[in-house]
Amino acid sequence: MKLLVPVKRVIDYNVKPRVKADGSGVDLANVKMSMNPFDEIALEEAIRLKEKGAASEIVAVSIGPAKAQETLRTALAMGADRAILVVTDQEVEPLAVAKILRKIADEEQPGMIILGKQAIDDDSNQTGQMLAALLGWSQGTFASKVEIDGGSVDVTREVDGGLETVRLKLPAIVTTDLRLNEPRYATLPNIMKAKSKPLVQKTPEELGVDIAPRLATVRVREPSKREAGIKLASVDELIDRLKTLGVVG
């Protein structure tokens, strides 16, 4: 079975994002970029499934600028067999990403698509669900455990009340949560081997996908600074204070 793993190039999670002076977006100049952590977990799970013999090939996919090749080379060094980069310098919204991935899925015919539940830059948590709808596939979101059993996959999901296990008929979409696994580090020999693994470039136009934005960013700003708290002597004083602030009637 072939596994398709989308990976996104984002600001490294250790870096504090800076807002542009004009408030039009986040400043990416001279900022360290890396693979989205949730996608890294998805890739690790795909590698583990291949090591168990449940999968035969792992194809990593990324959508973004030419520099996203670095992210795909990291995926290849971790254990992916080949990579596809859909090159665009435009900001691509979740729906456009899902449409591109559908086209690639039609070409590659994977048995399962594993991707992070969300990207840490936009926190949309939409792509996996949209892709499942476009393909008409079953989906298991927020996975903390994945087990393939013949023509189906059991996905243990993290839900508000605890854990829920669903059985999905393959092909299926699985989105990964933090507690699914601990991603491995790429070793130096594998980093060197990754340089010779195939990486194909495409464009949205070649795939026939319109990536024109449907949304407009009005303004981006830093979060408000947290104000110091105050101590109150009694419950009555607390209620009076809340009434003054308009929190309670």
Protein backbone atom coordinates (compact mmCIF):
# COMPACT_ATOMS: atom_id res chain seq x y z
CA MET A 1 0.00 0.00 0.00
CA LYS A 2 1.21 3.48 -0.88
CA LEU A 3 1.04 6.25 1.73
CA LEU A 4 0.80 9.94 0.83
CA VAL A 5 2.10 12.37 3.46
CA PRO A 6 1.63 16.14 2.94
CA VAL A 7 4.20 18.25 4.82
CA LYS A 8 4.17 22.02 5.21
CA ARG A 9 7.08 24.46 5.55
CA VAL A 10 6.35 26.76 8.51
CA ILE A 11 8.19 29.03 10.95
CA ASP A 12 10.14 26.85 13.37
CA TYR A 13 8.14 26.29 16.55
CA ASN A 14 11.03 27.65 18.67
CA VAL A 15 10.92 31.01 16.89
CA LYS A 16 8.68 33.84 18.12
CA PRO A 17 6.82 35.24 15.07
CA ARG A 18 7.20 38.94 14.30
CA VAL A 19 4.38 41.00 12.82
CA LYS A 20 5.19 43.26 9.87
CA ALA A 21 5.23 46.97 10.65
CA ASP A 22 2.23 47.64 8.41
CA GLY A 23 0.19 44.85 10.07
CA SER A 24 -0.26 43.01 6.76
CA GLY A 25 1.09 39.69 7.99
CA VAL A 26 3.93 37.83 9.68
CA ASP A 27 7.50 38.79 8.81
CA LEU A 28 9.29 35.77 7.30
CA ALA A 29 12.55 37.54 6.41
CA ASN A 30 15.61 35.77 7.87
CA VAL A 31 13.43 33.47 9.96
CA LYS A 32 14.27 29.81 10.57
CA MET A 33 11.76 27.54 8.83
CA SER A 34 11.10 23.85 9.42
CA MET A 35 8.56 21.08 8.89
CA ASN A 36 5.21 21.56 10.59
CA PRO A 37 5.42 19.46 13.82
CA PHE A 38 2.07 17.73 13.26
CA ASP A 39 3.17 16.74 9.74
CA GLU A 40 6.43 15.43 11.19
CA ILE A 41 4.34 13.14 13.42
CA ALA A 42 2.32 12.04 10.37
CA LEU A 43 5.51 11.20 8.49
CA GLU A 44 6.89 9.25 11.44
CA GLU A 45 3.69 7.20 11.62
CA ALA A 46 3.91 6.45 7.89
CA ILE A 47 7.51 5.28 8.33
CA ARG A 48 6.50 3.04 11.24
CA LEU A 49 3.69 1.52 9.19
CA LYS A 50 6.18 0.78 6.41
CA GLU A 51 8.60 -0.77 8.89
CA LYS A 52 5.78 -3.05 10.08
CA GLY A 53 5.16 -4.14 6.50
CA ALA A 54 1.75 -2.44 6.28
CA ALA A 55 2.96 -0.01 3.57
CA SER A 56 5.29 -0.37 0.61
CA GLU A 57 6.00 3.26 -0.38
CA ILE A 58 5.85 6.70 1.20
CA VAL A 59 5.39 9.79 -0.98
CA ALA A 60 5.91 13.17 0.69
CA VAL A 61 4.14 16.21 -0.80
CA SER A 62 4.61 19.90 -0.12
CA ILE A 63 2.98 23.02 -1.56
CA GLY A 64 4.89 26.28 -1.42
CA PRO A 65 7.96 28.16 -2.66
CA ALA A 66 11.05 26.50 -4.13
CA LYS A 67 12.68 26.62 -0.67
CA ALA A 68 10.16 23.99 0.45
CA GLN A 69 12.54 21.51 -1.19
CA GLU A 70 14.49 21.67 2.09
CA THR A 71 11.43 20.43 3.98
CA LEU A 72 10.95 17.60 1.50
CA ARG A 73 14.63 16.62 1.70
CA THR A 74 14.15 16.36 5.47
CA ALA A 75 11.17 14.08 4.85
CA LEU A 76 13.26 11.96 2.48
CA ALA A 77 16.05 11.77 5.05
CA MET A 78 13.60 10.60 7.71
CA GLY A 79 12.40 7.75 5.49
CA ALA A 80 10.10 8.89 2.67
CA ASP A 81 10.85 7.20 -0.68
CA ARG A 82 10.19 10.11 -3.02
CA ALA A 83 8.75 13.61 -2.97
CA ILE A 84 6.52 15.96 -4.94
CA LEU A 85 6.74 19.75 -4.67
CA VAL A 86 3.92 21.89 -6.02
CA VAL A 87 5.71 25.20 -6.53
CA THR A 88 3.92 28.48 -5.86
CA ASP A 89 4.92 31.73 -4.18
CA GLN A 90 1.31 32.58 -3.36
CA GLU A 91 -0.19 31.96 0.05
CA VAL A 92 -2.33 28.85 -0.41
CA GLU A 93 -5.52 28.50 1.64
CA PRO A 94 -6.71 25.14 3.04
CA LEU A 95 -9.34 24.60 0.32
CA ALA A 96 -6.76 25.13 -2.44
CA VAL A 97 -4.36 22.78 -0.64
CA ALA A 98 -7.10 20.13 -0.46
CA LYS A 99 -7.84 20.53 -4.18
CA ILE A 100 -4.15 20.13 -5.08
CA LEU A 101 -3.83 17.06 -2.85
CA ARG A 102 -6.92 15.56 -4.47
CA LYS A 103 -5.28 15.88 -7.89
CA ILE A 104 -2.10 14.27 -6.62
CA ALA A 105 -4.11 11.50 -4.95
CA ASP A 106 -5.87 10.85 -8.27
CA GLU A 107 -2.45 10.46 -9.93
CA GLU A 108 -0.74 8.46 -7.19
CA GLN A 109 -3.70 6.32 -6.00
CA PRO A 110 -2.51 5.96 -2.37
CA GLY A 111 -4.16 3.56 0.06
CA MET A 112 -4.07 6.19 2.81
CA ILE A 113 -3.21 9.86 3.23
CA ILE A 114 -1.70 10.81 6.61
CA LEU A 115 -1.28 14.47 7.49
CA GLY A 116 -1.03 16.69 10.55
CA LYS A 117 -4.31 17.80 12.07
CA GLN A 118 -3.28 21.45 11.59
CA ALA A 119 -0.36 23.70 10.70
CA ILE A 120 1.12 25.82 13.48
CA ASP A 121 1.18 28.97 11.32
CA ASP A 122 -2.54 29.33 10.52
CA ASP A 123 -4.05 26.73 12.93
CA SER A 124 -6.88 26.16 10.46
CA ASN A 125 -7.46 22.41 11.06
CA GLN A 126 -9.38 22.20 7.77
CA THR A 127 -7.28 20.55 5.06
CA GLY A 128 -7.75 16.91 6.11
CA GLN A 129 -11.51 17.23 6.42
CA MET A 130 -11.86 19.12 3.12
CA LEU A 131 -9.68 16.55 1.34
CA ALA A 132 -11.82 13.68 2.67
CA ALA A 133 -14.93 15.43 1.37
CA LEU A 134 -13.41 16.07 -2.08
CA LEU A 135 -12.22 12.48 -2.44
CA GLY A 136 -15.29 10.92 -0.84
CA TRP A 137 -13.04 8.95 1.54
CA SER A 138 -13.62 8.07 5.18
CA GLN A 139 -11.65 10.09 7.72
CA GLY A 140 -10.17 9.66 11.19
CA THR A 141 -9.09 12.96 12.73
CA PHE A 142 -6.94 13.75 15.81
CA ALA A 143 -5.38 10.27 15.77
CA SER A 144 -3.45 9.08 18.82
CA LYS A 145 -3.16 5.48 17.55
CA VAL A 146 -3.30 3.98 14.04
CA GLU A 147 -3.54 0.25 13.28
CA ILE A 148 -4.03 -1.19 9.80
CA ASP A 149 -6.05 -4.41 9.62
CA GLY A 150 -6.37 -5.77 6.09
CA GLY A 151 -8.61 -3.47 4.09
CA SER A 152 -9.41 -1.19 7.01
CA VAL A 153 -7.64 0.99 9.57
CA ASP A 154 -8.52 1.44 13.25
CA VAL A 155 -7.97 5.03 14.41
CA THR A 156 -8.07 5.98 18.09
CA ARG A 157 -9.17 9.61 18.23
CA GLU A 158 -8.68 12.21 20.95
CA VAL A 159 -12.10 13.71 21.70
CA ASP A 160 -13.40 15.99 24.47
CA GLY A 161 -14.69 13.08 26.56
CA GLY A 162 -11.53 10.97 26.23
CA LEU A 163 -10.77 8.52 23.41
CA GLU A 164 -12.89 7.18 20.56
CA THR A 165 -11.88 4.33 18.22
CA VAL A 166 -13.29 4.24 14.69
CA ARG A 167 -12.75 1.68 11.93
CA LEU A 168 -12.30 3.16 8.48
CA LYS A 169 -12.49 1.39 5.16
CA LEU A 170 -9.43 2.05 3.00
CA PRO A 171 -8.63 4.31 1.22
CA ALA A 172 -8.90 6.80 4.08
CA ILE A 173 -7.67 10.12 5.45
CA VAL A 174 -5.97 10.22 8.87
CA THR A 175 -4.95 13.43 10.64
CA THR A 176 -2.46 13.12 13.47
CA ASP A 177 -2.42 14.51 17.01
CA LEU A 178 0.56 15.19 19.27
CA ARG A 179 0.44 11.97 21.30
CA LEU A 180 0.56 9.60 18.32
CA ASN A 181 4.37 9.20 18.36
CA GLU A 182 7.75 10.86 18.82
CA PRO A 183 9.35 11.67 15.44
CA ARG A 184 12.87 10.39 14.80
CA TYR A 185 15.90 12.48 13.90
CA ALA A 186 17.35 12.10 10.44
CA THR A 187 20.80 10.49 10.59
CA LEU A 188 23.74 11.85 8.59
CA PRO A 189 23.91 8.82 6.24
CA ASN A 190 20.19 9.17 5.51
CA ILE A 191 20.59 12.91 4.92
CA MET A 192 23.22 12.11 2.31
CA LYS A 193 21.04 9.40 0.73
CA ALA A 194 18.11 11.84 0.55
CA LYS A 195 20.00 13.97 -1.96
CA SER A 196 19.68 11.20 -4.56
CA LYS A 197 16.04 10.34 -3.93
CA PRO A 198 13.57 11.58 -6.59
CA LEU A 199 11.90 14.96 -6.05
CA VAL A 200 9.45 16.02 -8.78
CA GLN A 201 8.22 19.59 -9.19
CA LYS A 202 4.79 20.57 -10.45
CA THR A 203 2.70 23.75 -10.47
CA PRO A 204 -0.94 24.36 -9.56
CA GLU A 205 -1.55 25.31 -13.20
CA GLU A 206 -0.26 21.93 -14.40
CA LEU A 207 -2.69 20.26 -12.01
CA GLY A 208 -5.55 22.49 -13.17
CA VAL A 209 -6.19 23.97 -9.72
CA ASP A 210 -7.20 27.58 -9.11
CA ILE A 211 -5.45 28.78 -5.95
CA ALA A 212 -6.83 32.34 -6.01
CA PRO A 213 -7.54 33.36 -2.39
CA ARG A 214 -11.13 33.39 -1.10
CA LEU A 215 -10.18 35.19 2.10
CA ALA A 216 -8.50 38.55 2.76
CA THR A 217 -6.32 39.30 5.78
CA VAL A 218 -7.59 42.56 7.23
CA ARG A 219 -4.99 43.05 9.95
CA VAL A 220 -2.41 41.12 11.94
CA ARG A 221 -1.28 42.31 15.37
CA GLU A 222 0.62 41.09 18.40
CA PRO A 223 -1.46 39.65 21.27
CA SER A 224 -2.32 42.16 23.99
CA LYS A 225 0.09 42.15 26.90
CA ARG A 226 -1.22 40.41 29.96
CA GLU A 227 -2.10 42.78 32.79
CA ALA A 228 -1.18 42.09 36.40
CA GLY A 229 -3.89 40.60 38.59
CA ILE A 230 -5.23 42.01 41.87
CA LYS A 231 -6.05 40.47 45.22
CA LEU A 232 -9.48 40.96 46.76
CA ALA A 233 -10.36 40.56 50.42
CA SER A 234 -13.75 38.85 50.07
CA VAL A 235 -16.28 37.27 47.73
CA ASP A 236 -18.52 40.32 48.06
CA GLU A 237 -15.67 42.55 46.90
CA LEU A 238 -15.08 40.18 43.97
CA ILE A 239 -18.75 40.37 42.92
CA ASP A 240 -18.73 44.19 43.18
CA ARG A 241 -15.59 44.27 41.07
CA LEU A 242 -17.12 42.01 38.39
CA LYS A 243 -20.23 44.18 38.31
CA THR A 244 -18.08 47.28 37.85
CA LEU A 245 -16.31 45.62 34.92
CA GLY A 246 -19.61 44.56 33.43
CA VAL A 247 -18.77 40.84 33.61
CA VAL A 248 -21.89 40.04 35.64
CA GLY A 249 -25.23 41.82 35.87
